[in-house]
Amino acid sequence: ESYKPIVAEAAKKSADKVFNRVCVTHLLMDDSKENRVAGAVGFNVRTGNYHVFKSKTVICGAGGASNIFKPRSVGEGAGRVWYAPWSSGSAYGLMIEAGAKMTQMENRIVLARFKDG
């Protein structure tokens, strides 16, 4: 339940600059190496600033995330894995557009929710 703050703090310490609230719209392919991503482009959802990122390695970590946030009620809901129904699958779109072969996609489920569960 405390993964997000721990990972965020480690990222802040290891990075020269951290960009928050950037919606990545396209991946940039490497011209010198076939089937290799060299960066990404996107915009800040609050300011509208356009960003171009160049990289040696790209990790696409979007999609359903489980056990990151603490439940609102103490001792209730801890350890229950569920996928957020508002996850749009945008990570799939980025990868497919870049030419990835989609072989093992997760099964999307929408579970019924109850108060503070």
Protein backbone atom coordinates (compact mmCIF):
# COMPACT_ATOMS: atom_id res chain seq x y z
CA GLU A 1 0.00 0.00 0.00
CA SER A 2 2.99 2.31 0.11
CA TYR A 3 4.62 1.42 -3.24
CA LYS A 4 3.68 4.65 -5.00
CA PRO A 5 5.45 7.05 -2.57
CA ILE A 6 8.51 4.76 -2.39
CA VAL A 7 8.85 4.49 -6.19
CA ALA A 8 8.19 8.22 -6.65
CA GLU A 9 10.91 9.15 -4.17
CA ALA A 10 13.42 6.79 -5.81
CA ALA A 11 12.58 8.24 -9.24
CA LYS A 12 13.07 11.81 -7.99
CA LYS A 13 16.50 10.94 -6.55
CA SER A 14 17.73 9.13 -9.67
CA ALA A 15 16.45 11.51 -12.36
CA ASP A 16 17.85 14.85 -13.51
CA LYS A 17 14.34 16.15 -14.16
CA VAL A 18 10.88 14.71 -13.47
CA PHE A 19 7.92 15.43 -15.75
CA ASN A 20 4.47 15.06 -14.21
CA ARG A 21 1.08 15.15 -15.92
CA VAL A 22 2.47 14.50 -19.41
CA CYS A 23 0.19 12.54 -21.74
CA VAL A 24 2.39 10.61 -24.17
CA THR A 25 0.70 10.45 -27.57
CA HIS A 26 3.25 8.74 -29.83
CA LEU A 27 6.43 6.72 -29.58
CA LEU A 28 9.43 7.70 -31.72
CA MET A 29 11.12 4.92 -33.65
CA ASP A 30 14.90 4.67 -34.07
CA ASP A 31 16.00 5.16 -37.70
CA SER A 32 19.30 3.31 -37.22
CA LYS A 33 17.88 0.16 -35.58
CA GLU A 34 14.81 -1.68 -36.79
CA ASN A 35 11.95 -2.25 -34.31
CA ARG A 36 13.53 -0.05 -31.64
CA VAL A 37 11.83 2.82 -29.82
CA ALA A 38 14.07 5.87 -29.37
CA GLY A 39 11.77 8.19 -27.44
CA ALA A 40 8.30 9.63 -27.10
CA VAL A 41 6.30 12.81 -27.62
CA GLY A 42 3.45 14.19 -25.57
CA PHE A 43 1.91 17.24 -23.94
CA ASN A 44 1.35 18.51 -20.42
CA VAL A 45 -2.34 18.16 -19.61
CA ARG A 46 -2.38 21.34 -17.50
CA THR A 47 -0.20 23.77 -19.45
CA GLY A 48 -0.42 22.31 -22.95
CA ASN A 49 3.38 22.39 -23.35
CA TYR A 50 4.66 19.92 -25.98
CA HIS A 51 7.52 17.61 -24.93
CA VAL A 52 9.91 15.47 -26.98
CA PHE A 53 11.76 12.78 -25.02
CA LYS A 54 14.85 11.02 -26.39
CA SER A 55 15.87 7.81 -24.62
CA LYS A 56 18.02 4.72 -24.74
CA THR A 57 15.32 2.58 -23.13
CA VAL A 58 11.54 2.93 -23.05
CA ILE A 59 9.30 1.14 -20.56
CA CYS A 60 5.57 1.34 -21.13
CA GLY A 61 4.06 1.04 -17.66
CA ALA A 62 0.47 2.15 -18.25
CA GLY A 63 -2.70 0.17 -17.72
CA GLY A 64 -4.41 -1.53 -14.82
CA ALA A 65 -2.53 -1.15 -11.55
CA SER A 66 -3.31 -3.03 -8.37
CA ASN A 67 -2.39 -2.66 -4.70
CA ILE A 68 -0.85 0.80 -5.13
CA PHE A 69 -3.30 3.02 -3.27
CA LYS A 70 -4.38 2.58 0.33
CA PRO A 71 -8.08 1.76 0.87
CA ARG A 72 -10.07 4.57 2.50
CA SER A 73 -11.30 2.44 5.38
CA VAL A 74 -8.68 1.01 7.73
CA GLY A 75 -8.14 -2.74 7.44
CA GLU A 76 -10.78 -3.16 4.72
CA GLY A 77 -9.92 -4.02 1.15
CA ALA A 78 -6.19 -4.54 1.72
CA GLY A 79 -4.82 -7.30 -0.48
CA ARG A 80 -7.82 -7.40 -2.82
CA VAL A 81 -6.63 -7.15 -6.40
CA TRP A 82 -8.85 -5.39 -8.93
CA TYR A 83 -8.30 -3.49 -12.15
CA ALA A 84 -9.53 0.04 -12.48
CA PRO A 85 -12.56 0.15 -14.83
CA TRP A 86 -11.47 3.57 -16.13
CA SER A 87 -8.20 2.19 -17.55
CA SER A 88 -8.60 2.93 -21.26
CA GLY A 89 -5.96 0.58 -22.64
CA SER A 90 -3.96 3.50 -24.07
CA ALA A 91 -0.74 1.56 -23.52
CA TYR A 92 -1.95 -1.02 -26.03
CA GLY A 93 -2.58 1.76 -28.58
CA LEU A 94 0.94 3.17 -28.18
CA MET A 95 2.54 -0.24 -28.61
CA ILE A 96 0.40 -1.32 -31.57
CA GLU A 97 1.05 1.95 -33.41
CA ALA A 98 4.79 1.46 -32.88
CA GLY A 99 4.55 -2.00 -34.46
CA ALA A 100 4.53 -4.26 -31.40
CA LYS A 101 3.18 -7.77 -31.74
CA MET A 102 0.41 -8.09 -29.16
CA THR A 103 0.44 -11.73 -28.05
CA GLN A 104 -0.69 -11.89 -24.44
CA MET A 105 -3.13 -9.12 -23.57
CA GLU A 106 -4.75 -9.11 -20.15
CA ASN A 107 -8.40 -9.99 -19.64
CA ARG A 108 -10.28 -6.77 -18.83
CA ILE A 109 -12.86 -7.18 -16.11
CA VAL A 110 -15.13 -4.65 -14.43
CA LEU A 111 -16.08 -5.71 -10.93
CA ALA A 112 -19.03 -4.45 -8.94
CA ARG A 113 -17.93 -2.08 -6.17
CA PHE A 114 -19.46 -1.54 -2.77
CA LYS A 115 -18.96 1.34 -0.34
CA ASP A 116 -15.36 1.57 0.96
CA GLY A 117 -14.46 -1.84 -0.41
